[in-house]
Protein backbone atom coordinates (compact mmCIF):
# COMPACT_ATOMS: atom_id res chain seq x y z
CA MET A 1 -121.31 13.19 -133.77
CA ALA A 2 -118.70 10.28 -135.13
CA GLY A 3 -115.74 11.21 -135.79
CA ARG A 4 -113.78 10.41 -138.94
CA LYS A 5 -111.13 7.85 -139.18
CA SER A 6 -107.34 9.15 -139.75
CA LEU A 7 -105.26 6.52 -142.57
CA ILE A 8 -102.08 7.15 -140.81
CA VAL A 9 -103.69 5.12 -137.07
CA SER A 10 -105.05 2.41 -139.59
CA TYR A 11 -101.05 2.01 -140.52
CA LEU A 12 -99.86 1.99 -136.93
CA PHE A 13 -102.27 -0.79 -136.39
CA CYS A 14 -102.12 -2.45 -139.43
CA ILE A 15 -98.44 -2.99 -139.83
CA PRO A 16 -97.14 -4.58 -136.21
CA PHE A 17 -100.65 -6.39 -134.81
CA GLY A 18 -102.60 -6.79 -138.12
CA TRP A 19 -102.30 -10.40 -137.66
CA LEU A 20 -104.43 -9.34 -134.41
CA GLY A 21 -106.89 -7.31 -136.14
CA LEU A 22 -106.81 -4.30 -134.24
CA HIS A 23 -107.41 -1.99 -137.48
CA HIS A 24 -110.25 -3.50 -137.26
CA PHE A 25 -111.03 -3.07 -134.24
CA TYR A 26 -110.69 0.50 -134.98
CA LEU A 27 -112.41 1.40 -138.17
CA GLY A 28 -115.34 -0.51 -136.05
CA ARG A 29 -115.60 -3.75 -138.16
CA LEU A 30 -116.02 -6.33 -135.11
CA GLY A 31 -117.17 -9.08 -137.14
CA TRP A 32 -113.74 -9.23 -139.09
CA GLY A 33 -111.97 -7.93 -135.59
CA LEU A 34 -112.38 -11.08 -134.02
CA THR A 35 -112.48 -13.07 -137.62
CA TYR A 36 -108.41 -12.06 -137.54
CA LEU A 37 -108.31 -12.46 -133.78
CA PHE A 38 -109.16 -15.91 -134.05
CA SER A 39 -108.13 -16.50 -137.22
CA LEU A 40 -104.57 -15.53 -136.70
CA GLY A 41 -105.31 -12.90 -139.86
CA LEU A 42 -106.96 -15.59 -142.06
CA LEU A 43 -103.86 -17.78 -141.49
CA GLY A 44 -101.87 -14.18 -142.35
CA TRP A 45 -103.40 -13.55 -146.20
CA GLY A 46 -106.05 -11.03 -145.01
CA TRP A 47 -103.26 -9.63 -143.21
CA LEU A 48 -101.18 -8.79 -146.38
CA CYS A 49 -104.55 -8.04 -147.92
CA ASP A 50 -105.08 -5.62 -145.92
CA LEU A 51 -101.84 -3.83 -146.57
CA ILE A 52 -102.30 -2.95 -149.96
CA ARG A 53 -106.49 -2.14 -149.27
CA LEU A 54 -106.49 -0.45 -146.30
CA PRO A 55 -106.54 3.22 -148.49
CA CYS A 56 -110.03 1.98 -150.30
CA LEU A 57 -111.09 0.67 -147.14
CA VAL A 58 -110.30 3.44 -144.71
CA ALA A 59 -112.19 5.77 -147.67
CA GLY A 60 -115.57 3.45 -148.10
CA ILE A 61 -115.73 3.57 -143.87
CA ASN A 62 -115.31 7.95 -143.71
CA ASP A 63 -117.74 8.16 -146.30
CA GLU A 64 -120.00 6.59 -144.16
CA ILE A 65 -119.82 8.37 -141.21
CA ASP A 66 -120.25 11.89 -142.92
CA ASP A 67 -123.68 10.13 -144.24
CA LEU A 68 -124.92 9.41 -140.35
CA ASN A 69 -124.10 13.01 -139.82
CA HIS A 70 -125.87 14.32 -142.44
CA GLY A 71 -128.74 12.48 -141.17
CA HIS A 72 -128.61 10.10 -144.25
CA ARG A 73 -128.09 5.96 -142.93
CA ARG A 74 -127.35 3.66 -145.55
CA PRO A 75 -128.36 0.42 -145.74
CA PRO A 76 -125.85 -2.40 -144.90
CA GLN A 77 -123.50 -3.53 -147.77
CA LYS A 78 -121.24 -5.64 -149.07
CA ARG A 79 -117.26 -5.14 -150.13
CA LEU A 80 -116.38 -7.42 -152.98
CA ASP A 81 -112.90 -6.65 -151.75
CA ASP A 82 -113.58 -8.85 -149.14
CA ALA A 83 -115.90 -11.12 -150.98
CA TYR A 84 -112.55 -11.83 -152.44
CA ILE A 85 -110.35 -12.58 -149.65
CA LEU A 86 -112.82 -14.86 -148.39
CA VAL A 87 -113.36 -17.25 -151.49
CA LEU A 88 -109.82 -17.39 -152.93
CA PRO A 89 -107.93 -18.84 -149.95
CA PHE A 90 -110.62 -20.71 -148.16
CA GLY A 91 -114.08 -20.66 -150.72
CA TRP A 92 -113.86 -25.14 -150.34
CA LEU A 93 -115.25 -24.00 -146.52
CA GLY A 94 -117.93 -21.73 -147.63
CA LEU A 95 -116.55 -18.43 -145.98
CA HIS A 96 -117.48 -16.46 -148.19
CA HIS A 97 -121.36 -17.32 -148.66
CA TYR A 98 -121.41 -16.83 -144.22
CA TYR A 99 -119.78 -13.84 -145.43
CA LEU A 100 -122.96 -12.62 -147.81
CA GLU A 101 -125.24 -14.34 -145.87
CA ARG A 102 -125.91 -17.28 -147.47
CA VAL A 103 -126.26 -19.67 -144.71
CA CYS A 104 -127.43 -23.10 -146.94
CA TRP A 105 -124.76 -22.60 -149.59
CA GLY A 106 -122.15 -21.84 -146.44
CA ILE A 107 -122.78 -25.27 -145.08
CA LEU A 108 -122.90 -27.58 -147.73
CA TYR A 109 -119.61 -25.67 -149.06
CA THR A 110 -118.28 -27.24 -145.74
CA PHE A 111 -119.68 -30.72 -145.95
CA THR A 112 -118.87 -30.93 -149.33
CA PHE A 113 -115.44 -29.41 -150.02
CA GLY A 114 -117.19 -26.34 -151.84
CA ILE A 115 -119.37 -28.86 -154.32
CA PHE A 116 -115.99 -31.52 -154.52
CA GLY A 117 -113.58 -28.39 -156.11
CA ILE A 118 -116.35 -27.06 -158.47
CA GLY A 119 -118.44 -24.58 -156.82
CA TRP A 120 -115.34 -23.09 -155.72
CA LEU A 121 -113.91 -22.02 -159.29
CA VAL A 122 -117.24 -20.99 -160.18
CA ASP A 123 -117.48 -18.09 -157.35
CA ILE A 124 -114.51 -16.92 -157.82
CA ILE A 125 -115.93 -15.74 -162.13
CA ARG A 126 -119.54 -15.11 -160.50
CA MET A 127 -118.46 -13.58 -157.73
CA PRO A 128 -119.24 -9.44 -158.67
CA CYS A 129 -122.34 -10.72 -160.13
CA LEU A 130 -122.87 -12.26 -156.43
CA VAL A 131 -121.67 -9.67 -154.22
CA ALA A 132 -124.16 -6.99 -156.83
CA SER A 133 -127.71 -9.46 -156.79
CA VAL A 134 -127.05 -9.04 -152.56
CA ASN A 135 -126.62 -5.62 -152.16
CA GLU A 136 -129.77 -5.44 -154.60
CA GLU A 137 -131.33 -7.53 -151.20
CA LEU A 138 -129.94 -5.53 -148.89
CA ARG A 139 -131.37 -2.23 -149.82
CA ARG A 140 -135.14 -3.50 -150.08
CA ARG A 141 -135.25 -4.66 -147.13
CA TYR A 142 -133.52 -1.84 -145.08
CA ALA A 143 -135.10 0.71 -147.66
CA PRO A 144 -137.83 1.96 -145.68
CA ARG A 145 -136.32 1.56 -142.27
CA THR A 146 -133.44 3.74 -143.85
CA VAL A 147 -136.37 6.46 -145.37
CA ALA A 148 -138.34 6.52 -141.47
CA ALA A 149 -134.43 7.29 -139.59
CA ALA A 150 -133.79 10.59 -142.17
CA THR A 151 -137.35 11.96 -141.57
CA THR A 152 -137.15 11.23 -138.04
CA VAL A 153 -133.66 13.31 -138.47
CA VAL A 154 -134.69 16.32 -140.43
CA ILE A 155 -137.94 16.81 -137.85
CA THR A 156 -135.59 16.97 -134.91
CA GLN A 157 -133.48 19.13 -136.42
CA GLN A 158 -136.10 21.75 -136.98
CA GLN A 159 -138.38 21.11 -133.76
CA GLN A 160 -134.72 22.21 -132.40
CA GLN A 161 -133.96 25.18 -135.17
CA PRO A 162 -135.78 28.30 -132.99
CA PRO A 163 -138.61 30.05 -134.87
CA PRO A 164 -136.96 33.54 -136.86
CA PRO A 165 -137.26 36.68 -134.96
CA GLY A 166 -140.09 38.53 -136.65
CA PRO A 167 -141.30 42.32 -136.37
CA VAL A 168 -143.64 42.88 -133.64
CA TYR A 169 -146.48 45.34 -134.92
CA GLN A 170 -147.81 48.10 -132.25
CA TYR A 171 -151.31 49.74 -133.68
CA PRO A 172 -151.66 53.13 -131.69
CA PRO A 173 -155.16 53.18 -130.35
CA PRO A 174 -157.68 55.18 -132.09
CA GLN A 175 -158.29 58.95 -130.70
CA GLY A 176 -160.98 59.59 -128.09
CA TYR A 177 -160.72 56.00 -126.33
CA PRO A 178 -158.85 56.03 -123.81
CA PRO A 179 -155.20 53.50 -124.26
CA GLN A 180 -155.91 49.55 -122.91
CA PRO A 181 -154.07 47.93 -120.94
CA GLN A 182 -150.63 45.15 -122.08
CA PRO A 183 -151.55 41.79 -121.57
CA GLY A 184 -149.21 41.06 -118.64
CA TYR A 185 -149.39 44.23 -117.71
CA PRO A 186 -150.96 45.85 -114.73
CA PRO A 187 -153.11 49.22 -115.10
CA PRO A 188 -151.44 52.76 -114.68
CA GLN A 189 -151.85 54.40 -111.62
CA GLY A 190 -154.68 56.85 -110.93
CA GLY A 191 -157.29 54.71 -113.24
CA TYR A 192 -157.73 55.24 -116.81
CA PRO A 193 -158.92 59.59 -117.47
CA PRO A 194 -161.60 60.33 -118.60
CA PRO A 195 -162.82 61.11 -122.13
CA GLN A 196 -162.81 64.35 -123.99
CA PRO A 197 -165.65 66.67 -123.52
CA GLY A 198 -166.91 66.07 -126.88
CA THR A 199 -165.74 63.15 -128.27
CA TYR A 200 -168.68 61.16 -128.33
CA PRO A 201 -171.70 63.40 -129.70
CA PRO A 202 -175.53 62.56 -128.13
CA PRO A 203 -177.70 60.94 -130.90
CA GLN A 204 -180.72 63.37 -132.71
CA GLY A 205 -183.18 63.03 -130.94
CA GLY A 206 -181.67 63.04 -127.44
CA TYR A 207 -182.01 59.79 -125.12
CA PRO A 208 -184.80 58.03 -124.53
CA PRO A 209 -186.29 58.21 -121.26
CA PRO A 210 -185.12 55.51 -118.65
CA GLY A 211 -188.26 53.24 -117.54
CA GLY A 212 -188.23 51.15 -120.42
CA GLY A 213 -191.75 51.39 -123.04
CA TYR A 214 -192.13 53.17 -126.45
CA PRO A 215 -192.18 56.64 -126.96
CA PRO A 216 -196.20 57.73 -127.39
CA PRO A 217 -196.77 58.82 -131.15
CA GLN A 218 -196.77 62.20 -132.74
CA GLY A 219 -200.61 64.03 -133.18
CA ALA A 220 -203.87 61.89 -132.13
CA TYR A 221 -205.04 58.70 -134.13
CA PRO A 222 -207.74 59.55 -136.55
CA PRO A 223 -211.61 58.62 -135.20
CA PRO A 224 -213.48 55.99 -136.29
CA PRO A 225 -216.17 56.56 -139.21
CA GLN A 226 -219.77 57.11 -138.05
CA ALA A 227 -222.64 55.91 -139.44
CA GLY A 228 -223.92 57.33 -142.91
CA ALA A 229 -220.41 58.75 -143.75
CA TYR A 230 -221.00 56.64 -147.17
CA PRO A 231 -223.65 57.72 -148.90
CA PRO A 232 -225.75 54.54 -150.97
CA PRO A 233 -224.93 54.13 -154.33
CA SER A 234 -227.15 56.24 -156.97
CA GLY A 235 -229.49 54.75 -158.54
CA ALA A 236 -230.64 50.07 -158.48
CA TYR A 237 -228.52 47.77 -159.23
CA PRO A 238 -228.79 46.75 -162.87
CA PRO A 239 -230.30 42.90 -163.31
CA PRO A 240 -227.48 40.00 -164.89
CA GLN A 241 -227.76 40.13 -168.54
CA PRO A 242 -227.94 36.19 -169.92
CA GLN A 243 -225.02 34.56 -170.83
CA ALA A 244 -224.06 33.97 -174.77
CA GLY A 245 -224.58 30.70 -175.70
CA TYR A 246 -227.58 30.38 -173.09
CA PRO A 247 -231.63 30.21 -173.23
CA PRO A 248 -232.75 32.98 -171.12
CA ALA A 249 -235.00 30.72 -167.49
CA GLN A 250 -237.97 31.06 -167.99
CA GLU A 251 -240.36 31.01 -165.02
CA ALA A 252 -241.72 27.66 -163.45
CA GLN A 253 -245.56 26.86 -163.75
CA PRO A 254 -247.44 25.30 -160.84
CA PRO A 255 -249.20 21.68 -162.04
CA PRO A 256 -252.62 21.40 -163.33
CA MET A 257 -255.18 21.01 -160.88
CA TYR A 258 -257.56 17.88 -161.07
CA GLY A 259 -261.39 19.17 -161.29
CA LYS A 260 -264.77 18.66 -161.95
CA GLU A 261 -264.87 18.32 -165.79
CA GLN A 262 -261.55 15.55 -165.61
CA THR A 263 -263.43 14.10 -162.90
CA SER A 264 -267.27 13.58 -164.96
CA GLU A 265 -264.72 12.35 -168.78
CA PHE A 266 -263.56 9.62 -166.03
CA HIS A 267 -267.08 9.02 -164.80
CA GLN A 268 -268.61 8.63 -168.51
CA GLN A 269 -265.27 6.62 -169.95
CA SER A 270 -266.26 4.43 -167.19
CA ALA A 271 -269.69 3.97 -168.03
CA SER A 272 -269.56 3.59 -171.81
CA PRO A 273 -270.06 0.05 -173.54
CA SER A 274 -266.99 -0.36 -175.03
CA ALA A 275 -265.17 -0.33 -171.64
CA PRO A 276 -264.64 -3.90 -170.46
CA PRO A 277 -267.12 -4.91 -167.55
CA VAL A 278 -265.40 -5.01 -164.21
CA GLU A 279 -265.43 -8.88 -163.01
CA LYS A 280 -265.86 -8.81 -159.30
CA TYR A 281 -264.42 -12.02 -157.59
């Protein structure tokens, strides 16, 4: 857990050695500390500005430390006062664009002297909007990482906390049963006592004999019926009645046989003159 920064200690570093950037090293701003170290406090301009804005600078750093200690990690943000410190004396070199991670614009300003001074003057006016747009882009870029880091910290804290002690319920054994051993404990000395007589009543009808099988049925099976035990029905069965809508069935008659009378009639018709003569081949 990081500790908060002291304003008095910051002034002790800034007043005599601010042109070397020691107060920035104390506040954890390594980039600004190296810049002040190699530029002698931005040629004294940044040192003088830090003497005025140091309370706001320390308060912002402490807010970030508090959020980090509570598991909330802020995305990196650019400060408007830092951008103005860079743009006012050194804007024609494009240092504010390098600070805002606009490298292409910084190179353009370096080789054109701030687009011949016009871009430098325009950036002084539009600097608040420029810093706001860059911070919005940084929030969109680092938002998933920030949420994931905060979720990991919360889960880790929940896992480290022991579960709250709850009441342990021990139900007594039912009457008539021997006490059951608890898991992890040896059985009682001398074994378990036998059940008390009369605790388990025998079943009705007694216990079945050992050896398996089914007991014989009570009584005897009835004998099978004998022949002639059932008398025939009285009278004869009535004939079937004809159904309505159908004529009664007639007895079948045999076909007529050829007799002597039919044979003589056949010969008489053959001998009659009206019959045509039979041609012989």
